[in-house]
PDB file of N, CA and C in Angstrom:
ATOM      1  N   UNK A   1      -9.441   1.921  -4.004  1.00  0.00           N
ATOM      2  CA  UNK A   1      -8.696   3.162  -3.962  1.00  0.00           C
ATOM      3  C   UNK A   1      -8.451   3.516  -2.507  1.00  0.00           C
ATOM      4  N   UNK A   2      -7.272   3.985  -2.228  1.00  0.00           N
ATOM      5  CA  UNK A   2      -6.931   4.420  -0.888  1.00  0.00           C
ATOM      6  C   UNK A   2      -7.487   5.826  -0.685  1.00  0.00           C
ATOM      7  N   UNK A   3      -8.557   5.941   0.070  1.00  0.00           N
ATOM      8  CA  UNK A   3      -9.200   7.234   0.276  1.00  0.00           C
ATOM      9  C   UNK A   3      -8.640   7.963   1.486  1.00  0.00           C
ATOM     10  N   UNK A   4      -7.682   7.353   2.189  1.00  0.00           N
ATOM     11  CA  UNK A   4      -7.104   7.981   3.367  1.00  0.00           C
ATOM     12  C   UNK A   4      -5.988   8.969   3.002  1.00  0.00           C
ATOM     13  N   UNK A   5      -5.564   8.976   1.758  1.00  0.00           N
ATOM     14  CA  UNK A   5      -4.480   9.867   1.337  1.00  0.00           C
ATOM     15  C   UNK A   5      -4.970  11.306   1.293  1.00  0.00           C
ATOM     16  N   UNK A   6      -4.019  12.213   1.346  1.00  0.00           N
ATOM     17  CA  UNK A   6      -4.378  13.633   1.328  1.00  0.00           C
ATOM     18  C   UNK A   6      -4.693  14.131  -0.077  1.00  0.00           C
ATOM     19  N   UNK A   7      -4.435  13.325  -1.078  1.00  0.00           N
ATOM     20  CA  UNK A   7      -4.747  13.698  -2.454  1.00  0.00           C
ATOM     21  C   UNK A   7      -5.370  12.509  -3.175  1.00  0.00           C
ATOM     22  N   UNK A   8      -6.110  12.775  -4.189  1.00  0.00           N
ATOM     23  CA  UNK A   8      -6.739  11.722  -4.980  1.00  0.00           C
ATOM     24  C   UNK A   8      -5.971  11.610  -6.285  1.00  0.00           C
ATOM     25  N   UNK A   9      -5.400  10.432  -6.571  1.00  0.00           N
ATOM     26  CA  UNK A   9      -4.655  10.296  -7.822  1.00  0.00           C
ATOM     27  C   UNK A   9      -5.605  10.366  -9.010  1.00  0.00           C
ATOM     28  N   UNK A  10      -5.198  11.074 -10.013  1.00  0.00           N
ATOM     29  CA  UNK A  10      -6.011  11.213 -11.217  1.00  0.00           C
ATOM     30  C   UNK A  10      -5.289  10.592 -12.394  1.00  0.00           C
ATOM     31  N   UNK A  11      -6.042   9.905 -13.215  1.00  0.00           N
ATOM     32  CA  UNK A  11      -5.474   9.350 -14.440  1.00  0.00           C
ATOM     33  C   UNK A  11      -5.514  10.411 -15.519  1.00  0.00           C
ATOM     34  N   UNK A  12      -4.454  10.500 -16.282  1.00  0.00           N
ATOM     35  CA  UNK A  12      -4.427  11.464 -17.373  1.00  0.00           C
ATOM     36  C   UNK A  12      -5.439  11.054 -18.433  1.00  0.00           C
ATOM     37  N   UNK A  13      -6.202  12.006 -18.875  1.00  0.00           N
ATOM     38  CA  UNK A  13      -7.165  11.732 -19.929  1.00  0.00           C
ATOM     39  C   UNK A  13      -6.427  11.588 -21.245  1.00  0.00           C
ATOM     40  N   UNK A  14      -6.853  10.632 -22.001  1.00  0.00           N
ATOM     41  CA  UNK A  14      -6.233  10.390 -23.293  1.00  0.00           C
ATOM     42  C   UNK A  14      -7.276   9.819 -24.232  1.00  0.00           C
ATOM     43  N   UNK A  15      -7.310  10.322 -25.431  1.00  0.00           N
ATOM     44  CA  UNK A  15      -8.259   9.793 -26.418  1.00  0.00           C
ATOM     45  C   UNK A  15      -7.879   8.402 -26.873  1.00  0.00           C
ATOM     46  N   UNK A  16      -6.589   8.087 -26.797  1.00  0.00           N
ATOM     47  CA  UNK A  16      -6.131   6.783 -27.291  1.00  0.00           C
ATOM     48  C   UNK A  16      -6.143   5.703 -26.217  1.00  0.00           C
ATOM     49  N   UNK A  17      -6.553   6.047 -24.997  1.00  0.00           N
ATOM     50  CA  UNK A  17      -6.485   5.082 -23.909  1.00  0.00           C
ATOM     51  C   UNK A  17      -7.793   5.061 -23.130  1.00  0.00           C
ATOM     52  N   UNK A  18      -8.340   3.877 -22.965  1.00  0.00           N
ATOM     53  CA  UNK A  18      -9.509   3.688 -22.115  1.00  0.00           C
ATOM     54  C   UNK A  18      -9.058   3.006 -20.832  1.00  0.00           C
ATOM     55  N   UNK A  19      -9.728   3.305 -19.752  1.00  0.00           N
ATOM     56  CA  UNK A  19      -9.403   2.705 -18.467  1.00  0.00           C
ATOM     57  C   UNK A  19     -10.580   1.871 -17.975  1.00  0.00           C
ATOM     58  N   UNK A  20     -10.262   0.801 -17.278  1.00  0.00           N
ATOM     59  CA  UNK A  20     -11.260  -0.040 -16.653  1.00  0.00           C
ATOM     60  C   UNK A  20     -11.014   0.019 -15.148  1.00  0.00           C
ATOM     61  N   UNK A  21     -12.006   0.455 -14.407  1.00  0.00           N
ATOM     62  CA  UNK A  21     -11.917   0.442 -12.951  1.00  0.00           C
ATOM     63  C   UNK A  21     -12.406  -0.915 -12.481  1.00  0.00           C
ATOM     64  N   UNK A  22     -11.521  -1.642 -11.823  1.00  0.00           N
ATOM     65  CA  UNK A  22     -11.854  -3.014 -11.435  1.00  0.00           C
ATOM     66  C   UNK A  22     -12.363  -3.080  -9.993  1.00  0.00           C
ATOM     67  N   UNK A  23     -13.058  -4.130  -9.698  1.00  0.00           N
ATOM     68  CA  UNK A  23     -13.528  -4.451  -8.341  1.00  0.00           C
ATOM     69  C   UNK A  23     -14.536  -3.460  -7.788  1.00  0.00           C
ATOM     70  N   UNK A  24     -15.186  -2.710  -8.655  1.00  0.00           N
ATOM     71  CA  UNK A  24     -16.169  -1.727  -8.192  1.00  0.00           C
ATOM     72  C   UNK A  24     -17.370  -2.371  -7.506  1.00  0.00           C
ATOM     73  N   UNK A  25     -17.646  -3.624  -7.841  1.00  0.00           N
ATOM     74  CA  UNK A  25     -18.808  -4.289  -7.258  1.00  0.00           C
ATOM     75  C   UNK A  25     -18.511  -4.894  -5.887  1.00  0.00           C
ATOM     76  N   UNK A  26     -17.261  -4.771  -5.440  1.00  0.00           N
ATOM     77  CA  UNK A  26     -16.871  -5.334  -4.154  1.00  0.00           C
ATOM     78  C   UNK A  26     -16.764  -4.249  -3.090  1.00  0.00           C
ATOM     79  N   UNK A  27     -17.055  -4.639  -1.856  1.00  0.00           N
ATOM     80  CA  UNK A  27     -16.867  -3.750  -0.707  1.00  0.00           C
ATOM     81  C   UNK A  27     -15.490  -4.076  -0.129  1.00  0.00           C
ATOM     82  N   UNK A  28     -14.571  -3.135  -0.239  1.00  0.00           N
ATOM     83  CA  UNK A  28     -13.196  -3.398   0.154  1.00  0.00           C
ATOM     84  C   UNK A  28     -12.830  -2.804   1.513  1.00  0.00           C
ATOM     85  N   UNK A  29     -13.777  -2.221   2.206  1.00  0.00           N
ATOM     86  CA  UNK A  29     -13.539  -1.708   3.552  1.00  0.00           C
ATOM     87  C   UNK A  29     -14.005  -2.746   4.564  1.00  0.00           C
ATOM     88  N   UNK A  30     -13.207  -2.934   5.593  1.00  0.00           N
ATOM     89  CA  UNK A  30     -13.515  -3.909   6.633  1.00  0.00           C
ATOM     90  C   UNK A  30     -13.362  -3.253   7.999  1.00  0.00           C
ATOM     91  N   UNK A  31     -14.321  -3.463   8.891  1.00  0.00           N
ATOM     92  CA  UNK A  31     -14.087  -3.046  10.275  1.00  0.00           C
ATOM     93  C   UNK A  31     -12.868  -3.810  10.812  1.00  0.00           C
ATOM     94  N   UNK A  32     -12.069  -3.176  11.641  1.00  0.00           N
ATOM     95  CA  UNK A  32     -10.842  -3.788  12.162  1.00  0.00           C
ATOM     96  C   UNK A  32     -11.143  -5.135  12.805  1.00  0.00           C
ATOM     97  N   UNK A  33     -12.202  -5.185  13.602  1.00  0.00           N
ATOM     98  CA  UNK A  33     -12.542  -6.436  14.304  1.00  0.00           C
ATOM     99  C   UNK A  33     -12.870  -7.550  13.316  1.00  0.00           C
ATOM    100  N   UNK A  34     -13.568  -7.221  12.231  1.00  0.00           N
ATOM    101  CA  UNK A  34     -13.929  -8.229  11.234  1.00  0.00           C
ATOM    102  C   UNK A  34     -12.684  -8.726  10.507  1.00  0.00           C
ATOM    103  N   UNK A  35     -11.784  -7.829  10.163  1.00  0.00           N
ATOM    104  CA  UNK A  35     -10.551  -8.219   9.475  1.00  0.00           C
ATOM    105  C   UNK A  35      -9.712  -9.131  10.360  1.00  0.00           C
ATOM    106  N   UNK A  36      -9.641  -8.815  11.638  1.00  0.00           N
ATOM    107  CA  UNK A  36      -8.895  -9.661  12.574  1.00  0.00           C
ATOM    108  C   UNK A  36      -9.543 -11.035  12.714  1.00  0.00           C
ATOM    109  N   UNK A  37     -10.877 -11.069  12.777  1.00  0.00           N
ATOM    110  CA  UNK A  37     -11.586 -12.346  12.902  1.00  0.00           C
ATOM    111  C   UNK A  37     -11.408 -13.194  11.641  1.00  0.00           C
ATOM    112  N   UNK A  38     -11.503 -12.579  10.485  1.00  0.00           N
ATOM    113  CA  UNK A  38     -11.279 -13.303   9.224  1.00  0.00           C
ATOM    114  C   UNK A  38      -9.893 -13.926   9.222  1.00  0.00           C
ATOM    115  N   UNK A  39      -8.900 -13.160   9.630  1.00  0.00           N
ATOM    116  CA  UNK A  39      -7.518 -13.655   9.685  1.00  0.00           C
ATOM    117  C   UNK A  39      -7.395 -14.805  10.670  1.00  0.00           C
ATOM    118  N   UNK A  40      -7.970 -14.653  11.850  1.00  0.00           N
ATOM    119  CA  UNK A  40      -7.912 -15.714  12.860  1.00  0.00           C
ATOM    120  C   UNK A  40      -8.621 -16.976  12.382  1.00  0.00           C
ATOM    121  N   UNK A  41      -9.770 -16.816  11.733  1.00  0.00           N
ATOM    122  CA  UNK A  41     -10.497 -17.974  11.218  1.00  0.00           C
ATOM    123  C   UNK A  41      -9.668 -18.709  10.170  1.00  0.00           C
ATOM    124  N   UNK A  42      -9.031 -17.961   9.277  1.00  0.00           N
ATOM    125  CA  UNK A  42      -8.196 -18.576   8.243  1.00  0.00           C
ATOM    126  C   UNK A  42      -7.013 -19.304   8.900  1.00  0.00           C
ATOM    127  N   UNK A  43      -6.324 -18.623   9.811  1.00  0.00           N
ATOM    128  CA  UNK A  43      -5.158 -19.227  10.462  1.00  0.00           C
ATOM    129  C   UNK A  43      -5.532 -20.467  11.262  1.00  0.00           C
ATOM    130  N   UNK A  44      -6.778 -20.538  11.730  1.00  0.00           N
ATOM    131  CA  UNK A  44      -7.255 -21.695  12.497  1.00  0.00           C
ATOM    132  C   UNK A  44      -7.689 -22.849  11.604  1.00  0.00           C
ATOM    133  N   UNK A  45      -7.705 -22.643  10.276  1.00  0.00           N
ATOM    134  CA  UNK A  45      -8.017 -23.740   9.366  1.00  0.00           C
ATOM    135  C   UNK A  45      -9.354 -23.647   8.653  1.00  0.00           C
ATOM    136  N   UNK A  46     -10.110 -22.601   8.886  1.00  0.00           N
ATOM    137  CA  UNK A  46     -11.407 -22.444   8.233  1.00  0.00           C
ATOM    138  C   UNK A  46     -11.197 -22.137   6.750  1.00  0.00           C
ATOM    139  N   UNK A  47     -12.063 -22.648   5.903  1.00  0.00           N
ATOM    140  CA  UNK A  47     -11.951 -22.433   4.458  1.00  0.00           C
ATOM    141  C   UNK A  47     -12.516 -21.074   4.065  1.00  0.00           C
ATOM    142  N   UNK A  48     -11.976 -20.518   2.994  1.00  0.00           N
ATOM    143  CA  UNK A  48     -12.335 -19.192   2.525  1.00  0.00           C
ATOM    144  C   UNK A  48     -13.841 -19.047   2.306  1.00  0.00           C
ATOM    145  N   UNK A  49     -14.458 -20.013   1.643  1.00  0.00           N
ATOM    146  CA  UNK A  49     -15.892 -19.934   1.355  1.00  0.00           C
ATOM    147  C   UNK A  49     -16.725 -19.953   2.627  1.00  0.00           C
ATOM    148  N   UNK A  50     -16.278 -20.715   3.626  1.00  0.00           N
ATOM    149  CA  UNK A  50     -16.988 -20.764   4.906  1.00  0.00           C
ATOM    150  C   UNK A  50     -16.840 -19.452   5.674  1.00  0.00           C
ATOM    151  N   UNK A  51     -15.667 -18.845   5.583  1.00  0.00           N
ATOM    152  CA  UNK A  51     -15.454 -17.547   6.223  1.00  0.00           C
ATOM    153  C   UNK A  51     -16.360 -16.504   5.575  1.00  0.00           C
ATOM    154  N   UNK A  52     -16.442 -16.534   4.249  1.00  0.00           N
ATOM    155  CA  UNK A  52     -17.294 -15.581   3.529  1.00  0.00           C
ATOM    156  C   UNK A  52     -18.753 -15.741   3.953  1.00  0.00           C
ATOM    157  N   UNK A  53     -19.204 -16.979   4.045  1.00  0.00           N
ATOM    158  CA  UNK A  53     -20.585 -17.242   4.454  1.00  0.00           C
ATOM    159  C   UNK A  53     -20.825 -16.750   5.886  1.00  0.00           C
ATOM    160  N   UNK A  54     -19.886 -17.013   6.780  1.00  0.00           N
ATOM    161  CA  UNK A  54     -19.969 -16.598   8.179  1.00  0.00           C
ATOM    162  C   UNK A  54     -20.159 -15.082   8.295  1.00  0.00           C
ATOM    163  N   UNK A  55     -19.420 -14.337   7.473  1.00  0.00           N
ATOM    164  CA  UNK A  55     -19.438 -12.874   7.546  1.00  0.00           C
ATOM    165  C   UNK A  55     -20.429 -12.230   6.568  1.00  0.00           C
ATOM    166  N   UNK A  56     -21.114 -13.080   5.791  1.00  0.00           N
ATOM    167  CA  UNK A  56     -22.048 -12.583   4.775  1.00  0.00           C
ATOM    168  C   UNK A  56     -21.341 -11.616   3.820  1.00  0.00           C
ATOM    169  N   UNK A  57     -20.152 -12.041   3.382  1.00  0.00           N
ATOM    170  CA  UNK A  57     -19.354 -11.274   2.434  1.00  0.00           C
ATOM    171  C   UNK A  57     -19.104 -12.147   1.216  1.00  0.00           C
ATOM    172  N   UNK A  58     -18.799 -11.517   0.103  1.00  0.00           N
ATOM    173  CA  UNK A  58     -18.423 -12.261  -1.102  1.00  0.00           C
ATOM    174  C   UNK A  58     -17.067 -12.916  -0.859  1.00  0.00           C
ATOM    175  N   UNK A  59     -16.896 -14.100  -1.432  1.00  0.00           N
ATOM    176  CA  UNK A  59     -15.628 -14.810  -1.237  1.00  0.00           C
ATOM    177  C   UNK A  59     -14.457 -14.010  -1.805  1.00  0.00           C
ATOM    178  N   UNK A  60     -14.693 -13.236  -2.844  1.00  0.00           N
ATOM    179  CA  UNK A  60     -13.639 -12.392  -3.415  1.00  0.00           C
ATOM    180  C   UNK A  60     -13.181 -11.326  -2.415  1.00  0.00           C
ATOM    181  N   UNK A  61     -14.125 -10.803  -1.635  1.00  0.00           N
ATOM    182  CA  UNK A  61     -13.782  -9.801  -0.620  1.00  0.00           C
ATOM    183  C   UNK A  61     -12.921 -10.421   0.479  1.00  0.00           C
ATOM    184  N   UNK A  62     -13.282 -11.633   0.891  1.00  0.00           N
ATOM    185  CA  UNK A  62     -12.513 -12.337   1.918  1.00  0.00           C
ATOM    186  C   UNK A  62     -11.123 -12.683   1.379  1.00  0.00           C
ATOM    187  N   UNK A  63     -11.057 -13.114   0.121  1.00  0.00           N
ATOM    188  CA  UNK A  63      -9.765 -13.392  -0.509  1.00  0.00           C
ATOM    189  C   UNK A  63      -8.867 -12.158  -0.460  1.00  0.00           C
ATOM    190  N   UNK A  64      -9.417 -11.011  -0.841  1.00  0.00           N
ATOM    191  CA  UNK A  64      -8.629  -9.778  -0.856  1.00  0.00           C
ATOM    192  C   UNK A  64      -8.244  -9.339   0.554  1.00  0.00           C
ATOM    193  N   UNK A  65      -9.122  -9.584   1.522  1.00  0.00           N
ATOM    194  CA  UNK A  65      -8.790  -9.279   2.920  1.00  0.00           C
ATOM    195  C   UNK A  65      -7.609 -10.138   3.371  1.00  0.00           C
ATOM    196  N   UNK A  66      -7.637 -11.414   3.033  1.00  0.00           N
ATOM    197  CA  UNK A  66      -6.545 -12.307   3.406  1.00  0.00           C
ATOM    198  C   UNK A  66      -5.265 -11.962   2.656  1.00  0.00           C
ATOM    199  N   UNK A  67      -5.390 -11.560   1.409  1.00  0.00           N
ATOM    200  CA  UNK A  67      -4.233 -11.117   0.635  1.00  0.00           C
ATOM    201  C   UNK A  67      -3.581  -9.915   1.321  1.00  0.00           C
ATOM    202  N   UNK A  68      -4.422  -8.976   1.734  1.00  0.00           N
ATOM    203  CA  UNK A  68      -3.932  -7.794   2.450  1.00  0.00           C
ATOM    204  C   UNK A  68      -3.214  -8.210   3.739  1.00  0.00           C
ATOM    205  N   UNK A  69      -3.847  -9.099   4.498  1.00  0.00           N
ATOM    206  CA  UNK A  69      -3.268  -9.533   5.765  1.00  0.00           C
ATOM    207  C   UNK A  69      -1.967 -10.323   5.541  1.00  0.00           C
ATOM    208  N   UNK A  70      -1.902 -11.080   4.450  1.00  0.00           N
ATOM    209  CA  UNK A  70      -0.669 -11.805   4.124  1.00  0.00           C
ATOM    210  C   UNK A  70       0.459 -10.830   3.823  1.00  0.00           C
ATOM    211  N   UNK A  71       0.147  -9.747   3.135  1.00  0.00           N
ATOM    212  CA  UNK A  71       1.161  -8.726   2.851  1.00  0.00           C
ATOM    213  C   UNK A  71       1.634  -8.051   4.142  1.00  0.00           C
ATOM    214  N   UNK A  72       0.757  -8.007   5.134  1.00  0.00           N
ATOM    215  CA  UNK A  72       1.094  -7.436   6.443  1.00  0.00           C
ATOM    216  C   UNK A  72       1.740  -8.478   7.365  1.00  0.00           C
ATOM    217  N   UNK A  73       1.963  -9.687   6.826  1.00  0.00           N
ATOM    218  CA  UNK A  73       2.580 -10.804   7.566  1.00  0.00           C
ATOM    219  C   UNK A  73       1.756 -11.241   8.772  1.00  0.00           C
ATOM    220  N   UNK A  74       0.436 -11.188   8.634  1.00  0.00           N
ATOM    221  CA  UNK A  74      -0.462 -11.597   9.713  1.00  0.00           C
ATOM    222  C   UNK A  74      -1.107 -12.949   9.445  1.00  0.00           C
ATOM    223  N   UNK A  75      -0.857 -13.515   8.282  1.00  0.00           N
ATOM    224  CA  UNK A  75      -1.386 -14.826   7.918  1.00  0.00           C
ATOM    225  C   UNK A  75      -0.303 -15.854   8.192  1.00  0.00           C
ATOM    226  N   UNK A  76      -0.625 -16.853   9.017  1.00  0.00           N
ATOM    227  CA  UNK A  76       0.361 -17.881   9.364  1.00  0.00           C
ATOM    228  C   UNK A  76       0.135 -19.176   8.600  1.00  0.00           C
ATOM    229  N   UNK A  77      -1.040 -19.383   8.094  1.00  0.00           N
ATOM    230  CA  UNK A  77      -1.369 -20.585   7.323  1.00  0.00           C
ATOM    231  C   UNK A  77      -1.118 -20.278   5.852  1.00  0.00           C
ATOM    232  N   UNK A  78      -0.641 -21.254   5.117  1.00  0.00           N
ATOM    233  CA  UNK A  78      -0.382 -21.045   3.690  1.00  0.00           C
ATOM    234  C   UNK A  78      -1.626 -20.477   3.016  1.00  0.00           C
ATOM    235  N   UNK A  79      -1.426 -19.434   2.245  1.00  0.00           N
ATOM    236  CA  UNK A  79      -2.546 -18.717   1.637  1.00  0.00           C
ATOM    237  C   UNK A  79      -2.532 -18.810   0.128  1.00  0.00           C
ATOM    238  N   UNK A  80      -1.406 -18.521  -0.473  1.00  0.00           N
ATOM    239  CA  UNK A  80      -1.284 -18.552  -1.935  1.00  0.00           C
ATOM    240  C   UNK A  80       0.105 -19.112  -2.252  1.00  0.00           C
ATOM    241  N   UNK A  81       0.182 -19.800  -3.339  1.00  0.00           N
ATOM    242  CA  UNK A  81       1.440 -20.425  -3.716  1.00  0.00           C
ATOM    243  C   UNK A  81       1.959 -19.795  -4.999  1.00  0.00           C
ATOM    244  N   UNK A  82       3.271 -19.687  -5.096  1.00  0.00           N
ATOM    245  CA  UNK A  82       3.914 -19.208  -6.307  1.00  0.00           C
ATOM    246  C   UNK A  82       4.834 -20.306  -6.831  1.00  0.00           C
ATOM    247  N   UNK A  83       4.840 -20.450  -8.133  1.00  0.00           N
ATOM    248  CA  UNK A  83       5.785 -21.363  -8.740  1.00  0.00           C
ATOM    249  C   UNK A  83       7.177 -20.776  -8.613  1.00  0.00           C
ATOM    250  N   UNK A  84       8.095 -21.577  -8.238  1.00  0.00           N
ATOM    251  CA  UNK A  84       9.492 -21.126  -8.163  1.00  0.00           C
ATOM    252  C   UNK A  84      10.177 -21.477  -9.480  1.00  0.00           C
ATOM    253  N   UNK A  85      11.072 -20.598  -9.890  1.00  0.00           N
ATOM    254  CA  UNK A  85      11.802 -20.850 -11.136  1.00  0.00           C
ATOM    255  C   UNK A  85      10.921 -20.630 -12.344  1.00  0.00           C
ATOM    256  N   UNK A  86      11.175 -21.356 -13.394  1.00  0.00           N
ATOM    257  CA  UNK A  86      10.458 -21.408 -14.629  1.00  0.00           C
ATOM    258  C   UNK A  86       9.580 -20.322 -14.968  1.00  0.00           C
TER     259      UNK A  86
END
């Protein structure tokens, strides 16, 4: 959840709908220096699992950090592939 916003989004309560909050077991905040280092390590060729071990973070957290950085166009090494067409 983006906690930097001036308001907290609320889900409408509904008896017919249940919600699942995902990724609660992950730490999704990163110090700026750590996020930059993770990105640099990935761009230099280091594998995701090795980066996670280096930073003592879950590999899922490192994956999401790299996903974030890819969306910010800071990842220069291929990160994720999409099928074209079909």
